[in-house]
Amino acid sequence: VQLVESGGGSVQPGGSLRLSCAASGFTFSSYAMSWYRQAPGKERELVAGISIFGSSRNYKDSVKGRFIISRDDAKNMVYLQMNNLKPEDTAVYYCYVRKMRNDYWGEGTQVTVSS
């Protein structure tokens, strides 16, 4: 299993970023996918999750209405569209899949929101 995130960067408050996660090494369409984040000095937290077929999505309360998770099973990709970014969204963002009772993480992509 390999998960590779991209799309992070530095933006001003109110800006947008789109994170991408390229997945390989497993049958992508058969697994729910998630995005987590970890800010300095804080625990890693679930930001958003999407079920197989994209039929169900869930979000951390503080990002509801601003972030959108999506998937493209033809490309083995999962995305996180982040709008109206706030300084408290600053963190390393990780792509995650749980497969056969094992947890797999990407290496993360840094998102910094600052004026």
N, C-alpha and C. Protein backbone atom coordinates (compact mmCIF):
# COMPACT_ATOMS: atom_id res chain seq x y z
N VAL A 1 0.86 -1.20 0.00
CA VAL A 1 0.00 0.00 0.00
C VAL A 1 0.89 1.24 0.00
N GLN A 2 0.57 2.15 -0.90
CA GLN A 2 1.29 3.42 -0.92
C GLN A 2 0.30 4.56 -1.07
N LEU A 3 0.47 5.57 -0.25
CA LEU A 3 -0.36 6.77 -0.30
C LEU A 3 0.57 7.97 -0.41
N VAL A 4 0.36 8.79 -1.42
CA VAL A 4 1.24 9.93 -1.64
C VAL A 4 0.39 11.19 -1.74
N GLU A 5 0.58 12.08 -0.77
CA GLU A 5 -0.18 13.33 -0.74
C GLU A 5 0.57 14.42 -1.51
N SER A 6 -0.21 15.36 -2.01
CA SER A 6 0.35 16.55 -2.66
C SER A 6 -0.65 17.68 -2.56
N GLY A 7 -0.20 18.88 -2.88
CA GLY A 7 -1.10 20.01 -2.95
C GLY A 7 -1.04 20.97 -1.77
N GLY A 8 -0.24 20.65 -0.77
CA GLY A 8 -0.13 21.56 0.36
C GLY A 8 0.62 22.83 -0.02
N GLY A 9 0.64 23.77 0.92
CA GLY A 9 1.34 25.01 0.68
C GLY A 9 0.97 26.05 1.71
N SER A 10 1.35 27.29 1.42
CA SER A 10 1.06 28.41 2.31
C SER A 10 0.03 29.32 1.66
N VAL A 11 -1.00 29.65 2.41
CA VAL A 11 -2.04 30.53 1.91
C VAL A 11 -2.44 31.50 2.99
N GLN A 12 -3.09 32.58 2.57
CA GLN A 12 -3.61 33.55 3.52
C GLN A 12 -4.98 33.08 4.01
N PRO A 13 -5.39 33.56 5.16
CA PRO A 13 -6.74 33.24 5.64
C PRO A 13 -7.78 33.59 4.58
N GLY A 14 -8.75 32.70 4.42
CA GLY A 14 -9.76 32.88 3.40
C GLY A 14 -9.41 32.22 2.08
N GLY A 15 -8.19 31.77 1.95
CA GLY A 15 -7.76 31.14 0.71
C GLY A 15 -8.20 29.70 0.59
N SER A 16 -7.82 29.08 -0.53
CA SER A 16 -8.22 27.70 -0.81
C SER A 16 -7.02 26.88 -1.23
N LEU A 17 -7.10 25.60 -0.96
CA LEU A 17 -6.13 24.62 -1.43
C LEU A 17 -6.88 23.33 -1.74
N ARG A 18 -6.32 22.57 -2.67
CA ARG A 18 -6.86 21.26 -2.97
C ARG A 18 -5.77 20.22 -2.76
N LEU A 19 -5.98 19.36 -1.80
CA LEU A 19 -5.04 18.28 -1.54
C LEU A 19 -5.41 17.07 -2.36
N SER A 20 -4.40 16.34 -2.81
CA SER A 20 -4.60 15.10 -3.56
C SER A 20 -3.85 13.97 -2.88
N CYS A 21 -4.39 12.78 -3.01
CA CYS A 21 -3.73 11.59 -2.49
C CYS A 21 -3.79 10.52 -3.57
N ALA A 22 -2.62 10.11 -4.04
CA ALA A 22 -2.53 9.04 -5.02
C ALA A 22 -2.31 7.72 -4.29
N ALA A 23 -3.20 6.77 -4.52
CA ALA A 23 -3.16 5.50 -3.83
C ALA A 23 -2.75 4.39 -4.78
N SER A 24 -2.00 3.43 -4.26
CA SER A 24 -1.60 2.28 -5.07
C SER A 24 -1.34 1.09 -4.16
N GLY A 25 -1.31 -0.08 -4.77
CA GLY A 25 -0.98 -1.28 -4.02
C GLY A 25 -2.16 -2.00 -3.40
N PHE A 26 -3.36 -1.51 -3.68
CA PHE A 26 -4.56 -2.17 -3.18
C PHE A 26 -5.73 -1.81 -4.07
N THR A 27 -6.85 -2.50 -3.89
CA THR A 27 -8.03 -2.25 -4.71
C THR A 27 -8.74 -1.02 -4.15
N PHE A 28 -8.35 0.11 -4.65
CA PHE A 28 -8.76 1.41 -4.10
C PHE A 28 -10.27 1.52 -3.95
N SER A 29 -11.00 1.11 -4.96
CA SER A 29 -12.45 1.31 -4.96
C SER A 29 -13.16 0.52 -3.87
N SER A 30 -12.48 -0.43 -3.26
CA SER A 30 -13.10 -1.28 -2.24
C SER A 30 -12.94 -0.77 -0.82
N TYR A 31 -12.30 0.39 -0.65
CA TYR A 31 -11.99 0.88 0.69
C TYR A 31 -12.42 2.32 0.91
N ALA A 32 -12.92 2.57 2.12
CA ALA A 32 -13.15 3.93 2.55
C ALA A 32 -11.81 4.63 2.71
N MET A 33 -11.79 5.91 2.48
CA MET A 33 -10.57 6.71 2.59
C MET A 33 -10.81 7.90 3.51
N SER A 34 -9.75 8.39 4.10
CA SER A 34 -9.88 9.50 5.03
C SER A 34 -8.71 10.46 4.92
N TRP A 35 -8.95 11.67 5.37
CA TRP A 35 -7.90 12.66 5.57
C TRP A 35 -7.82 12.97 7.07
N TYR A 36 -6.62 12.98 7.59
CA TYR A 36 -6.34 13.38 8.96
C TYR A 36 -5.38 14.58 8.91
N ARG A 37 -5.27 15.22 10.05
CA ARG A 37 -4.27 16.29 10.16
C ARG A 37 -3.67 16.28 11.56
N GLN A 38 -2.47 16.84 11.62
CA GLN A 38 -1.79 16.96 12.91
C GLN A 38 -1.08 18.30 12.97
N ALA A 39 -1.50 19.11 13.93
CA ALA A 39 -0.86 20.40 14.17
C ALA A 39 0.26 20.22 15.20
N PRO A 40 1.22 21.12 15.21
CA PRO A 40 2.32 21.01 16.18
C PRO A 40 1.81 20.93 17.61
N GLY A 41 2.29 19.95 18.34
CA GLY A 41 1.91 19.80 19.73
C GLY A 41 0.53 19.22 19.96
N LYS A 42 -0.13 18.80 18.90
CA LYS A 42 -1.48 18.25 19.04
C LYS A 42 -1.54 16.84 18.48
N GLU A 43 -2.59 16.13 18.87
CA GLU A 43 -2.79 14.77 18.37
C GLU A 43 -3.32 14.81 16.94
N ARG A 44 -3.07 13.75 16.23
CA ARG A 44 -3.62 13.62 14.89
C ARG A 44 -5.13 13.48 14.99
N GLU A 45 -5.87 14.16 14.10
CA GLU A 45 -7.32 14.15 14.17
C GLU A 45 -7.93 13.90 12.80
N LEU A 46 -9.09 13.27 12.82
CA LEU A 46 -9.82 13.00 11.58
C LEU A 46 -10.43 14.30 11.06
N VAL A 47 -10.20 14.57 9.81
CA VAL A 47 -10.76 15.76 9.17
C VAL A 47 -11.98 15.40 8.33
N ALA A 48 -11.84 14.37 7.50
CA ALA A 48 -12.93 13.99 6.62
C ALA A 48 -12.75 12.54 6.19
N GLY A 49 -13.87 11.88 5.93
CA GLY A 49 -13.84 10.51 5.44
C GLY A 49 -14.86 10.32 4.35
N ILE A 50 -14.58 9.37 3.46
CA ILE A 50 -15.50 9.08 2.37
C ILE A 50 -15.60 7.57 2.21
N SER A 51 -16.83 7.08 2.06
CA SER A 51 -17.07 5.65 1.96
C SER A 51 -16.78 5.18 0.54
N ILE A 52 -16.87 3.85 0.35
CA ILE A 52 -16.76 3.33 -1.00
C ILE A 52 -17.91 3.89 -1.84
N PHE A 53 -17.66 4.07 -3.09
CA PHE A 53 -18.59 4.69 -4.05
C PHE A 53 -18.85 6.16 -3.75
N GLY A 54 -18.29 6.69 -2.67
CA GLY A 54 -18.53 8.08 -2.31
C GLY A 54 -19.94 8.33 -1.82
N SER A 55 -20.61 7.29 -1.38
CA SER A 55 -22.02 7.43 -1.02
C SER A 55 -22.22 8.10 0.34
N SER A 56 -21.19 8.12 1.14
CA SER A 56 -21.29 8.73 2.46
C SER A 56 -20.00 9.49 2.76
N ARG A 57 -20.16 10.66 3.36
CA ARG A 57 -19.01 11.49 3.72
C ARG A 57 -19.22 12.00 5.13
N ASN A 58 -18.15 12.15 5.86
CA ASN A 58 -18.25 12.72 7.19
C ASN A 58 -17.12 13.72 7.39
N TYR A 59 -17.37 14.71 8.24
CA TYR A 59 -16.43 15.80 8.43
C TYR A 59 -16.30 16.16 9.90
N LYS A 60 -15.13 16.61 10.25
CA LYS A 60 -14.92 17.24 11.56
C LYS A 60 -15.80 18.49 11.59
N ASP A 61 -16.42 18.73 12.75
CA ASP A 61 -17.37 19.84 12.83
C ASP A 61 -16.77 21.17 12.37
N SER A 62 -15.54 21.42 12.72
CA SER A 62 -14.95 22.73 12.44
C SER A 62 -14.66 22.95 10.95
N VAL A 63 -14.75 21.91 10.14
CA VAL A 63 -14.48 22.09 8.70
C VAL A 63 -15.75 21.93 7.85
N LYS A 64 -16.85 21.57 8.49
CA LYS A 64 -18.10 21.40 7.74
C LYS A 64 -18.47 22.71 7.04
N GLY A 65 -18.85 22.58 5.78
CA GLY A 65 -19.21 23.75 5.00
C GLY A 65 -18.03 24.44 4.34
N ARG A 66 -16.81 24.02 4.71
CA ARG A 66 -15.61 24.62 4.10
C ARG A 66 -14.78 23.59 3.33
N PHE A 67 -14.76 22.36 3.79
CA PHE A 67 -13.95 21.31 3.16
C PHE A 67 -14.88 20.31 2.45
N ILE A 68 -14.39 19.78 1.35
CA ILE A 68 -15.12 18.75 0.62
C ILE A 68 -14.17 17.62 0.27
N ILE A 69 -14.53 16.40 0.69
CA ILE A 69 -13.74 15.23 0.32
C ILE A 69 -14.41 14.55 -0.87
N SER A 70 -13.59 14.07 -1.79
CA SER A 70 -14.11 13.37 -2.96
C SER A 70 -13.11 12.30 -3.38
N ARG A 71 -13.56 11.42 -4.25
CA ARG A 71 -12.70 10.35 -4.74
C ARG A 71 -12.95 10.10 -6.21
N ASP A 72 -11.92 9.62 -6.88
CA ASP A 72 -12.01 9.23 -8.28
C ASP A 72 -11.46 7.82 -8.37
N ASP A 73 -12.36 6.85 -8.40
CA ASP A 73 -11.93 5.45 -8.37
C ASP A 73 -11.21 5.05 -9.67
N ALA A 74 -11.49 5.73 -10.76
CA ALA A 74 -10.82 5.43 -12.03
C ALA A 74 -9.34 5.81 -11.97
N LYS A 75 -9.03 6.81 -11.14
CA LYS A 75 -7.66 7.30 -11.04
C LYS A 75 -6.98 6.89 -9.73
N ASN A 76 -7.69 6.19 -8.86
CA ASN A 76 -7.17 5.84 -7.54
C ASN A 76 -6.72 7.08 -6.76
N MET A 77 -7.58 8.07 -6.75
CA MET A 77 -7.26 9.33 -6.11
C MET A 77 -8.34 9.72 -5.12
N VAL A 78 -7.91 10.36 -4.04
CA VAL A 78 -8.84 11.00 -3.12
C VAL A 78 -8.38 12.44 -2.93
N TYR A 79 -9.36 13.32 -2.81
CA TYR A 79 -9.07 14.76 -2.78
C TYR A 79 -9.69 15.40 -1.53
N LEU A 80 -9.11 16.52 -1.15
CA LEU A 80 -9.69 17.34 -0.10
C LEU A 80 -9.65 18.79 -0.58
N GLN A 81 -10.81 19.29 -0.96
CA GLN A 81 -10.92 20.69 -1.33
C GLN A 81 -11.15 21.50 -0.07
N MET A 82 -10.26 22.44 0.19
CA MET A 82 -10.31 23.23 1.42
C MET A 82 -10.53 24.70 1.05
N ASN A 83 -11.65 25.24 1.47
CA ASN A 83 -12.01 26.63 1.18
C ASN A 83 -12.09 27.42 2.47
N ASN A 84 -12.01 28.74 2.33
CA ASN A 84 -12.10 29.63 3.47
C ASN A 84 -11.18 29.15 4.60
N LEU A 85 -9.94 28.92 4.26
CA LEU A 85 -9.00 28.39 5.23
C LEU A 85 -8.74 29.37 6.35
N LYS A 86 -8.52 28.80 7.54
CA LYS A 86 -8.30 29.60 8.75
C LYS A 86 -6.93 29.23 9.34
N PRO A 87 -6.36 30.12 10.13
CA PRO A 87 -5.05 29.80 10.74
C PRO A 87 -5.07 28.49 11.52
N GLU A 88 -6.21 28.16 12.12
CA GLU A 88 -6.30 26.92 12.90
C GLU A 88 -6.33 25.67 12.03
N ASP A 89 -6.40 25.84 10.73
CA ASP A 89 -6.30 24.70 9.81
C ASP A 89 -4.84 24.34 9.53
N THR A 90 -3.92 25.13 10.02
CA THR A 90 -2.51 24.86 9.81
C THR A 90 -2.12 23.52 10.44
N ALA A 91 -1.56 22.64 9.62
CA ALA A 91 -1.23 21.30 10.09
C ALA A 91 -0.57 20.53 8.94
N VAL A 92 -0.06 19.36 9.27
CA VAL A 92 0.32 18.40 8.25
C VAL A 92 -0.89 17.52 8.00
N TYR A 93 -1.25 17.38 6.75
CA TYR A 93 -2.43 16.61 6.36
C TYR A 93 -1.99 15.27 5.79
N TYR A 94 -2.67 14.20 6.28
CA TYR A 94 -2.32 12.84 5.92
C TYR A 94 -3.49 12.12 5.27
N CYS A 95 -3.19 11.35 4.28
CA CYS A 95 -4.15 10.44 3.67
C CYS A 95 -4.08 9.11 4.44
N TYR A 96 -5.23 8.45 4.59
CA TYR A 96 -5.28 7.26 5.44
C TYR A 96 -6.25 6.22 4.85
N VAL A 97 -5.84 4.96 4.99
CA VAL A 97 -6.73 3.85 4.67
C VAL A 97 -6.51 2.74 5.69
N ARG A 98 -7.59 2.11 6.09
CA ARG A 98 -7.51 0.94 6.95
C ARG A 98 -7.84 -0.27 6.09
N LYS A 99 -6.91 -1.15 5.98
CA LYS A 99 -7.06 -2.31 5.11
C LYS A 99 -6.66 -3.56 5.87
N MET A 100 -7.57 -4.50 5.95
CA MET A 100 -7.29 -5.78 6.60
C MET A 100 -6.75 -5.57 8.01
N ARG A 101 -7.38 -4.71 8.75
CA ARG A 101 -7.04 -4.39 10.13
C ARG A 101 -5.67 -3.75 10.29
N ASN A 102 -5.12 -3.26 9.19
CA ASN A 102 -3.86 -2.50 9.25
C ASN A 102 -4.11 -1.06 8.84
N ASP A 103 -3.39 -0.15 9.47
CA ASP A 103 -3.50 1.27 9.18
C ASP A 103 -2.36 1.69 8.27
N TYR A 104 -2.71 2.43 7.23
CA TYR A 104 -1.71 2.93 6.29
C TYR A 104 -1.83 4.44 6.17
N TRP A 105 -0.68 5.09 6.21
CA TRP A 105 -0.63 6.55 6.14
C TRP A 105 0.33 6.99 5.04
N GLY A 106 0.02 8.14 4.45
CA GLY A 106 1.00 8.78 3.61
C GLY A 106 1.99 9.54 4.46
N GLU A 107 2.94 10.20 3.81
CA GLU A 107 3.95 10.95 4.55
C GLU A 107 3.48 12.35 4.93
N GLY A 108 2.37 12.77 4.36
CA GLY A 108 1.78 14.04 4.73
C GLY A 108 2.20 15.19 3.84
N THR A 109 1.35 16.22 3.86
CA THR A 109 1.65 17.45 3.13
C THR A 109 1.32 18.63 4.06
N GLN A 110 2.22 19.60 4.10
CA GLN A 110 2.07 20.71 5.04
C GLN A 110 1.11 21.77 4.48
N VAL A 111 0.19 22.19 5.31
CA VAL A 111 -0.70 23.30 5.00
C VAL A 111 -0.47 24.38 6.05
N THR A 112 -0.13 25.57 5.59
CA THR A 112 0.10 26.69 6.50
C THR A 112 -0.82 27.85 6.09
N VAL A 113 -1.62 28.30 7.05
CA VAL A 113 -2.54 29.41 6.81
C VAL A 113 -2.11 30.57 7.70
N SER A 114 -1.65 31.61 7.06
CA SER A 114 -1.10 32.74 7.81
C SER A 114 -1.14 34.00 6.97
N SER A 115 -1.36 35.11 7.65
CA SER A 115 -1.33 36.41 6.96
C SER A 115 0.06 37.02 7.03
